[in-house]
């Protein structure tokens, strides 16, 4: 067993109902919505609970989640939360800082219920003003829902945390966005509930849906168009927007270590077709571990533990310098975090691999 695949714990996230959105930045892509039953959910949990390796060792602690993308998209979300607690090891089924914005705008009792679970902050995603946020979410009314959810959260004592993904499409409305925050008095109203209003400018990972959004990615010269008031308000300033690809290229083309993309939380995700992916990168064919219905949990756990999928092998063996020479642009002024640029290279490598061009 690989040392970095410690089986002390594992989270299994099952996409029971799917997601109301198809956000253009989403690294998870646009997997179809399904209708996995509670019985199937229980059966999945049993498979992982009963799994043993060659030495008879199982997984010490397990967390089971009835969602993978936006939580609580199922109408019986309260019962599913109780079921997650029942199936999981104590304390492993958690809420984090994610809630269903879609449901919050349609169910007045939802935010109050969510407030009893512990989250003091909830993240809300914008792509600019109304038209661009609806465009970025790929759902008419998404911006309206964000504003309704903001009010519901504040009324329930939860601070809304706004994240803004800036693309070339919304550069001309950033001053208006700052005015919206001021008009809603979010800083002052969060203080009234004993919280801090958190706002940050997000960086887009060019994988999953985000790969196609790369054409709208900011370039170095665009930074001058971001209002100083927005930069001051942002938790990380402009840091998450990154540096020009040309600057990162110089460093990465000399880096002979592999990507070694990893996560501190060991998680597997199960989509509507029962395909299973490691939650370390975009859920695409080159990362896929197997199918629970056809292959069974033994095959999946062995592939996860031994890192036998094409993506996992490349992640541990392909030199970043080689990926950079193949897919990097030494003249590009587009802005990336270093880790995000490497993810783009891995996506491009994966497409080539599956098409037989690798």
Protein backbone atom coordinates (compact mmCIF):
# COMPACT_ATOMS: atom_id res chain seq x y z
CA UNK A 1 0.00 0.00 0.00
CA UNK A 2 1.38 3.42 -0.96
CA UNK A 3 2.36 5.39 2.09
CA UNK A 4 0.52 8.50 0.90
CA UNK A 5 -2.73 6.54 0.57
CA UNK A 6 -3.24 6.09 4.28
CA UNK A 7 -6.52 4.26 4.89
CA UNK A 8 -7.08 5.68 8.36
CA UNK A 9 -10.02 7.52 6.83
CA UNK A 10 -11.81 8.08 3.53
CA UNK A 11 -14.67 10.32 2.43
CA UNK A 12 -17.11 9.01 -0.18
CA UNK A 13 -19.16 11.70 -1.90
CA UNK A 14 -22.18 10.41 -3.85
CA UNK A 15 -23.93 12.67 -6.37
CA UNK A 16 -27.45 11.60 -5.46
CA UNK A 17 -29.37 14.32 -7.28
CA UNK A 18 -26.72 16.38 -9.04
CA UNK A 19 -26.49 20.17 -9.17
CA UNK A 20 -28.81 22.98 -10.31
CA UNK A 21 -25.91 24.78 -12.01
CA UNK A 22 -23.34 24.14 -14.72
CA UNK A 23 -20.88 26.84 -13.67
CA UNK A 24 -18.34 27.73 -16.33
CA UNK A 25 -15.47 27.78 -13.84
CA UNK A 26 -16.29 24.43 -12.20
CA UNK A 27 -13.36 22.04 -12.15
CA UNK A 28 -15.83 19.18 -11.59
CA UNK A 29 -17.24 19.63 -15.07
CA UNK A 30 -20.87 19.09 -16.10
CA UNK A 31 -21.70 15.54 -15.11
CA UNK A 32 -25.36 14.70 -15.64
CA UNK A 33 -27.89 14.92 -12.86
CA UNK A 34 -29.24 11.55 -11.78
CA UNK A 35 -31.49 10.01 -9.19
CA UNK A 36 -29.48 7.68 -6.98
CA UNK A 37 -31.80 6.16 -4.39
CA UNK A 38 -31.34 6.00 -0.63
CA UNK A 39 -31.08 2.20 -0.97
CA UNK A 40 -28.22 2.64 -3.46
CA UNK A 41 -26.57 5.11 -1.10
CA UNK A 42 -26.75 2.58 1.73
CA UNK A 43 -25.37 -0.14 -0.54
CA UNK A 44 -22.45 2.07 -1.53
CA UNK A 45 -21.66 2.72 2.12
CA UNK A 46 -21.80 -1.02 2.85
CA UNK A 47 -19.34 -1.76 0.07
CA UNK A 48 -16.75 0.61 1.49
CA UNK A 49 -17.38 -0.43 5.08
CA UNK A 50 -16.89 -4.09 4.19
CA UNK A 51 -13.84 -3.58 1.96
CA UNK A 52 -10.61 -5.23 3.09
CA UNK A 53 -7.17 -5.17 1.50
CA UNK A 54 -4.94 -8.20 0.92
CA UNK A 55 -3.92 -8.17 4.58
CA UNK A 56 -7.47 -7.98 5.89
CA UNK A 57 -7.24 -4.29 6.79
CA UNK A 58 -10.23 -2.03 6.23
CA UNK A 59 -10.74 1.74 6.40
CA UNK A 60 -10.69 2.92 9.99
CA UNK A 61 -13.04 5.90 9.60
CA UNK A 62 -15.45 6.70 6.78
CA UNK A 63 -17.48 9.77 5.90
CA UNK A 64 -20.45 9.46 3.54
CA UNK A 65 -21.96 12.46 1.76
CA UNK A 66 -25.20 12.53 -0.23
CA UNK A 67 -23.84 15.29 -2.45
CA UNK A 68 -20.76 16.02 -4.47
CA UNK A 69 -21.45 19.36 -6.11
CA UNK A 70 -24.05 21.68 -4.53
CA UNK A 71 -25.35 20.14 -1.28
CA UNK A 72 -29.02 19.72 -0.36
CA UNK A 73 -30.32 19.62 -3.94
CA UNK A 74 -32.53 16.69 -2.89
CA UNK A 75 -35.93 17.61 -1.47
CA UNK A 76 -35.39 15.27 1.49
CA UNK A 77 -32.16 17.03 2.45
CA UNK A 78 -32.92 16.93 6.17
CA UNK A 79 -33.42 13.17 6.17
CA UNK A 80 -30.26 12.74 4.08
CA UNK A 81 -28.23 14.76 6.58
CA UNK A 82 -29.42 12.41 9.31
CA UNK A 83 -28.56 9.44 7.10
CA UNK A 84 -25.04 10.77 6.51
CA UNK A 85 -24.57 10.90 10.29
CA UNK A 86 -25.88 7.35 10.63
CA UNK A 87 -23.65 5.88 7.94
CA UNK A 88 -20.47 7.81 8.76
CA UNK A 89 -17.94 7.42 11.52
CA UNK A 90 -18.60 9.94 14.32
CA UNK A 91 -17.74 13.48 13.22
CA UNK A 92 -16.80 12.54 9.65
CA UNK A 93 -19.96 13.81 7.90
CA UNK A 94 -19.52 17.57 7.98
CA UNK A 95 -21.02 20.69 6.47
CA UNK A 96 -17.94 22.86 5.75
CA UNK A 97 -18.87 26.32 4.39
CA UNK A 98 -21.02 25.17 1.48
CA UNK A 99 -24.80 25.34 1.35
CA UNK A 100 -27.33 25.23 -1.47
CA UNK A 101 -27.83 28.75 -2.83
CA UNK A 102 -30.53 27.40 -5.16
CA UNK A 103 -32.54 25.96 -2.27
CA UNK A 104 -31.97 28.92 0.01
CA UNK A 105 -33.68 31.17 -2.53
CA UNK A 106 -36.71 28.85 -2.63
CA UNK A 107 -37.07 27.50 0.91
CA UNK A 108 -37.37 30.06 3.69
CA UNK A 109 -36.72 27.45 6.38
CA UNK A 110 -33.48 26.18 4.85
CA UNK A 111 -31.03 28.83 6.12
CA UNK A 112 -32.41 28.61 9.65
CA UNK A 113 -32.03 24.82 9.56
CA UNK A 114 -28.50 25.08 8.15
CA UNK A 115 -27.56 27.48 10.95
CA UNK A 116 -28.18 24.69 13.46
CA UNK A 117 -25.49 22.53 11.82
CA UNK A 118 -22.57 24.77 12.66
CA UNK A 119 -21.50 26.77 9.57
CA UNK A 120 -20.98 30.44 10.38
CA UNK A 121 -20.04 31.33 6.80
CA UNK A 122 -21.48 30.36 3.40
CA UNK A 123 -19.80 30.94 0.05
CA UNK A 124 -21.68 32.60 -2.82
CA UNK A 125 -20.23 32.81 -6.34
CA UNK A 126 -20.52 35.74 -8.78
CA UNK A 127 -19.17 36.30 -12.28
CA UNK A 128 -19.97 40.02 -12.31
CA UNK A 129 -23.36 41.69 -12.28
CA UNK A 130 -26.66 39.96 -13.10
CA UNK A 131 -26.17 39.08 -16.76
CA UNK A 132 -22.64 37.80 -16.34
CA UNK A 133 -23.45 35.84 -13.18
CA UNK A 134 -26.35 34.12 -14.94
CA UNK A 135 -24.02 33.46 -17.89
CA UNK A 136 -21.24 32.10 -15.66
CA UNK A 137 -23.63 29.87 -13.70
CA UNK A 138 -25.43 28.84 -16.90
CA UNK A 139 -28.79 29.42 -15.21
CA UNK A 140 -31.21 32.32 -15.59
CA UNK A 141 -31.96 33.80 -12.19
CA UNK A 142 -28.72 32.68 -10.55
CA UNK A 143 -27.70 36.25 -9.67
CA UNK A 144 -31.12 36.92 -8.18
CA UNK A 145 -30.80 33.73 -6.13
CA UNK A 146 -27.40 34.89 -4.85
CA UNK A 147 -28.92 38.11 -3.52
CA UNK A 148 -31.92 36.31 -1.99
CA UNK A 149 -29.57 33.80 -0.35
CA UNK A 150 -27.44 36.64 1.03
CA UNK A 151 -30.50 38.02 2.83
CA UNK A 152 -31.56 34.59 4.10
CA UNK A 153 -28.07 33.91 5.47
CA UNK A 154 -27.84 37.20 7.31
CA UNK A 155 -31.29 36.65 8.84
CA UNK A 156 -30.13 33.23 10.06
CA UNK A 157 -26.88 34.56 11.56
CA UNK A 158 -24.61 33.16 8.84
CA UNK A 159 -22.15 35.48 7.09
CA UNK A 160 -22.25 35.42 3.27
CA UNK A 161 -18.79 35.09 1.74
CA UNK A 162 -18.79 36.46 -1.78
CA UNK A 163 -16.30 35.21 -4.34
CA UNK A 164 -15.99 36.92 -7.71
CA UNK A 165 -14.49 35.27 -10.76
CA UNK A 166 -13.27 38.10 -12.98
CA UNK A 167 -13.17 37.41 -16.70
CA UNK A 168 -12.72 39.75 -19.64
CA UNK A 169 -16.53 39.82 -19.93
CA UNK A 170 -17.08 41.64 -16.64
CA UNK A 171 -14.14 44.05 -16.51
CA UNK A 172 -16.38 47.01 -17.37
CA UNK A 173 -18.77 46.43 -14.44
CA UNK A 174 -16.41 46.01 -11.49
CA UNK A 175 -17.09 49.48 -10.10
CA UNK A 176 -20.79 48.63 -10.14
CA UNK A 177 -20.06 45.42 -8.24
CA UNK A 178 -18.20 47.33 -5.52
CA UNK A 179 -21.16 49.70 -5.27
CA UNK A 180 -23.49 46.71 -4.85
CA UNK A 181 -21.52 45.50 -1.81
CA UNK A 182 -21.68 49.00 -0.36
CA UNK A 183 -25.39 49.41 -1.16
CA UNK A 184 -26.23 46.17 0.64
CA UNK A 185 -24.09 47.27 3.63
CA UNK A 186 -22.61 43.78 3.86
CA UNK A 187 -19.62 44.82 5.96
CA UNK A 188 -21.83 46.50 8.55
CA UNK A 189 -24.54 43.83 8.58
CA UNK A 190 -22.04 41.01 9.07
CA UNK A 191 -20.61 42.90 12.06
CA UNK A 192 -24.12 43.05 13.54
CA UNK A 193 -24.21 39.24 13.68
CA UNK A 194 -20.70 39.03 15.08
CA UNK A 195 -19.07 38.00 11.79
CA UNK A 196 -16.74 39.56 9.22
CA UNK A 197 -17.83 40.08 5.64
CA UNK A 198 -15.38 38.16 3.50
CA UNK A 199 -14.91 38.95 -0.19
CA UNK A 200 -12.28 37.60 -2.49
CA UNK A 201 -11.41 37.55 -6.16
CA UNK A 202 -11.16 33.91 -7.18
CA UNK A 203 -8.65 32.27 -9.46
CA UNK A 204 -10.00 29.87 -12.09
CA UNK A 205 -8.53 26.42 -12.48
CA UNK A 206 -8.36 25.56 -16.22
CA UNK A 207 -9.72 22.03 -15.90
CA UNK A 208 -13.22 20.63 -16.07
CA UNK A 209 -15.53 23.38 -17.33
CA UNK A 210 -12.85 25.89 -16.43
CA UNK A 211 -10.68 24.76 -19.34
CA UNK A 212 -13.20 26.15 -21.83
CA UNK A 213 -13.42 29.41 -19.85
CA UNK A 214 -9.70 29.99 -20.39
CA UNK A 215 -10.45 32.12 -23.45
CA UNK A 216 -11.91 34.73 -21.08
CA UNK A 217 -8.96 34.60 -18.67
CA UNK A 218 -7.43 37.93 -17.67
CA UNK A 219 -4.09 39.03 -19.07
CA UNK A 220 -1.45 41.13 -17.37
CA UNK A 221 -2.66 44.41 -18.89
CA UNK A 222 -6.19 43.80 -17.59
CA UNK A 223 -5.09 44.23 -13.98
CA UNK A 224 -5.05 48.00 -14.44
CA UNK A 225 -8.82 47.87 -15.06
CA UNK A 226 -9.62 46.41 -11.63
CA UNK A 227 -10.70 49.22 -9.29
CA UNK A 228 -8.43 49.92 -6.34
CA UNK A 229 -11.49 49.83 -4.07
CA UNK A 230 -12.13 46.23 -5.12
CA UNK A 231 -8.51 45.23 -4.59
CA UNK A 232 -8.58 46.69 -1.07
CA UNK A 233 -11.83 44.92 -0.28
CA UNK A 234 -10.59 41.53 -1.54
CA UNK A 235 -9.22 39.25 1.18
CA UNK A 236 -6.19 38.27 -0.89
CA UNK A 237 -6.03 41.35 -3.08
CA UNK A 238 -5.24 40.21 -6.62
CA UNK A 239 -2.97 37.37 -5.49
CA UNK A 240 -5.26 34.54 -6.63
CA UNK A 241 -5.22 35.85 -10.20
CA UNK A 242 -1.60 34.74 -10.40
CA UNK A 243 1.22 35.69 -12.75
CA UNK A 244 1.64 35.74 -16.55
CA UNK A 245 2.17 32.32 -18.11
CA UNK A 246 5.36 33.62 -19.74
CA UNK A 247 6.84 34.31 -16.29
CA UNK A 248 5.79 30.93 -14.87
CA UNK A 249 7.06 29.17 -18.01
CA UNK A 250 10.65 30.17 -17.20
CA UNK A 251 10.40 28.44 -13.82
CA UNK A 252 8.35 25.40 -14.83
CA UNK A 253 10.43 24.48 -17.88
CA UNK A 254 13.32 23.89 -15.44
CA UNK A 255 11.24 21.82 -12.97
CA UNK A 256 11.90 18.11 -13.46
CA UNK A 257 9.71 16.86 -10.59
CA UNK A 258 6.20 15.55 -11.42
CA UNK A 259 3.02 17.51 -10.54
CA UNK A 260 2.22 15.41 -7.43
CA UNK A 261 -1.23 16.97 -7.20
CA UNK A 262 -2.69 15.78 -3.91
CA UNK A 263 -5.19 16.69 -1.23
CA UNK A 264 -5.08 16.51 2.54
CA UNK A 265 -8.59 15.04 2.64
CA UNK A 266 -8.77 11.58 1.08
CA UNK A 267 -12.02 11.48 -0.89
CA UNK A 268 -13.64 9.52 -3.67
CA UNK A 269 -16.58 10.83 -5.70
CA UNK A 270 -19.37 8.77 -7.27
CA UNK A 271 -21.37 10.26 -10.15
CA UNK A 272 -24.90 9.43 -11.32
CA UNK A 273 -23.62 6.48 -13.39
CA UNK A 274 -21.71 5.05 -10.40
CA UNK A 275 -18.35 5.95 -11.97
CA UNK A 276 -15.77 6.70 -9.25
CA UNK A 277 -12.99 9.30 -9.33
CA UNK A 278 -10.30 10.42 -6.88
CA UNK A 279 -11.15 13.92 -5.67
CA UNK A 280 -7.73 15.31 -6.52
CA UNK A 281 -8.36 16.58 -10.05
CA UNK A 282 -11.08 16.97 -12.64
CA UNK A 283 -13.29 13.85 -12.91
CA UNK A 284 -12.40 12.83 -16.44
CA UNK A 285 -11.72 9.55 -18.24
CA UNK A 286 -8.01 9.59 -17.51
CA UNK A 287 -8.61 9.84 -13.74
CA UNK A 288 -11.54 7.38 -13.56
CA UNK A 289 -11.01 4.51 -11.07
CA UNK A 290 -13.85 2.26 -12.22
CA UNK A 291 -17.58 1.71 -11.86
CA UNK A 292 -19.11 0.48 -8.61
CA UNK A 293 -21.86 -1.47 -10.36
CA UNK A 294 -19.69 -3.18 -12.98
CA UNK A 295 -16.24 -3.36 -11.35
CA UNK A 296 -16.95 -3.41 -7.63
CA UNK A 297 -15.25 -1.74 -4.72
CA UNK A 298 -12.17 -4.02 -4.73
CA UNK A 299 -11.14 -2.91 -8.23
CA UNK A 300 -11.74 0.73 -7.36
CA UNK A 301 -9.81 0.67 -4.10
CA UNK A 302 -6.89 -1.12 -5.69
CA UNK A 303 -6.73 1.46 -8.50
CA UNK A 304 -6.94 4.27 -5.94
CA UNK A 305 -4.35 2.79 -3.62
CA UNK A 306 -1.88 1.80 -6.37
CA UNK A 307 -2.57 4.90 -8.51
CA UNK A 308 -3.02 2.93 -11.72
CA UNK A 309 -5.21 5.32 -13.74
CA UNK A 310 -3.43 7.23 -16.54
CA UNK A 311 -3.91 10.54 -14.75
CA UNK A 312 -2.61 9.25 -11.43
CA UNK A 313 0.44 7.67 -13.07
CA UNK A 314 1.27 10.88 -14.93
CA UNK A 315 0.73 12.87 -11.76
CA UNK A 316 3.53 10.93 -10.05
CA UNK A 317 5.90 10.46 -12.99
CA UNK A 318 5.55 13.06 -15.78
CA UNK A 319 8.18 15.82 -15.37
CA UNK A 320 6.62 19.28 -15.19
CA UNK A 321 9.39 20.47 -17.53
CA UNK A 322 8.17 18.06 -20.22
CA UNK A 323 4.55 19.15 -19.78
CA UNK A 324 5.66 22.79 -19.99
CA UNK A 325 7.60 22.29 -23.21
CA UNK A 326 4.63 20.50 -24.78
CA UNK A 327 1.79 22.72 -23.66
CA UNK A 328 3.20 25.96 -22.30
CA UNK A 329 3.27 29.26 -24.16
CA UNK A 330 6.44 31.24 -23.38
CA UNK A 331 4.85 34.43 -24.76
CA UNK A 332 1.42 34.28 -23.12
CA UNK A 333 0.40 37.14 -20.82
CA UNK A 334 -2.59 35.24 -19.41
CA UNK A 335 -2.62 35.08 -15.61
CA UNK A 336 -2.37 31.79 -13.68
CA UNK A 337 -1.51 30.52 -10.28
CA UNK A 338 1.38 28.10 -10.78
CA UNK A 339 -0.67 25.12 -9.58
CA UNK A 340 -3.51 26.05 -11.95
CA UNK A 341 -1.21 26.27 -14.94
CA UNK A 342 0.10 22.79 -14.14
CA UNK A 343 -3.53 21.59 -13.98
CA UNK A 344 -4.04 23.01 -17.49
CA UNK A 345 -1.02 21.10 -18.72
CA UNK A 346 -2.39 17.93 -17.12
CA UNK A 347 -5.75 18.47 -18.80
CA UNK A 348 -4.10 18.94 -22.18
CA UNK A 349 -1.98 15.86 -21.61
CA UNK A 350 -5.08 13.83 -20.64
CA UNK A 351 -6.96 14.81 -23.79
CA UNK A 352 -3.95 13.83 -25.91
CA UNK A 353 -3.56 10.56 -24.03
CA UNK A 354 -7.18 9.51 -24.51
CA UNK A 355 -7.02 10.43 -28.20
CA UNK A 356 -3.88 8.34 -28.63
CA UNK A 357 -1.67 11.34 -29.36
CA UNK A 358 0.47 10.92 -26.22
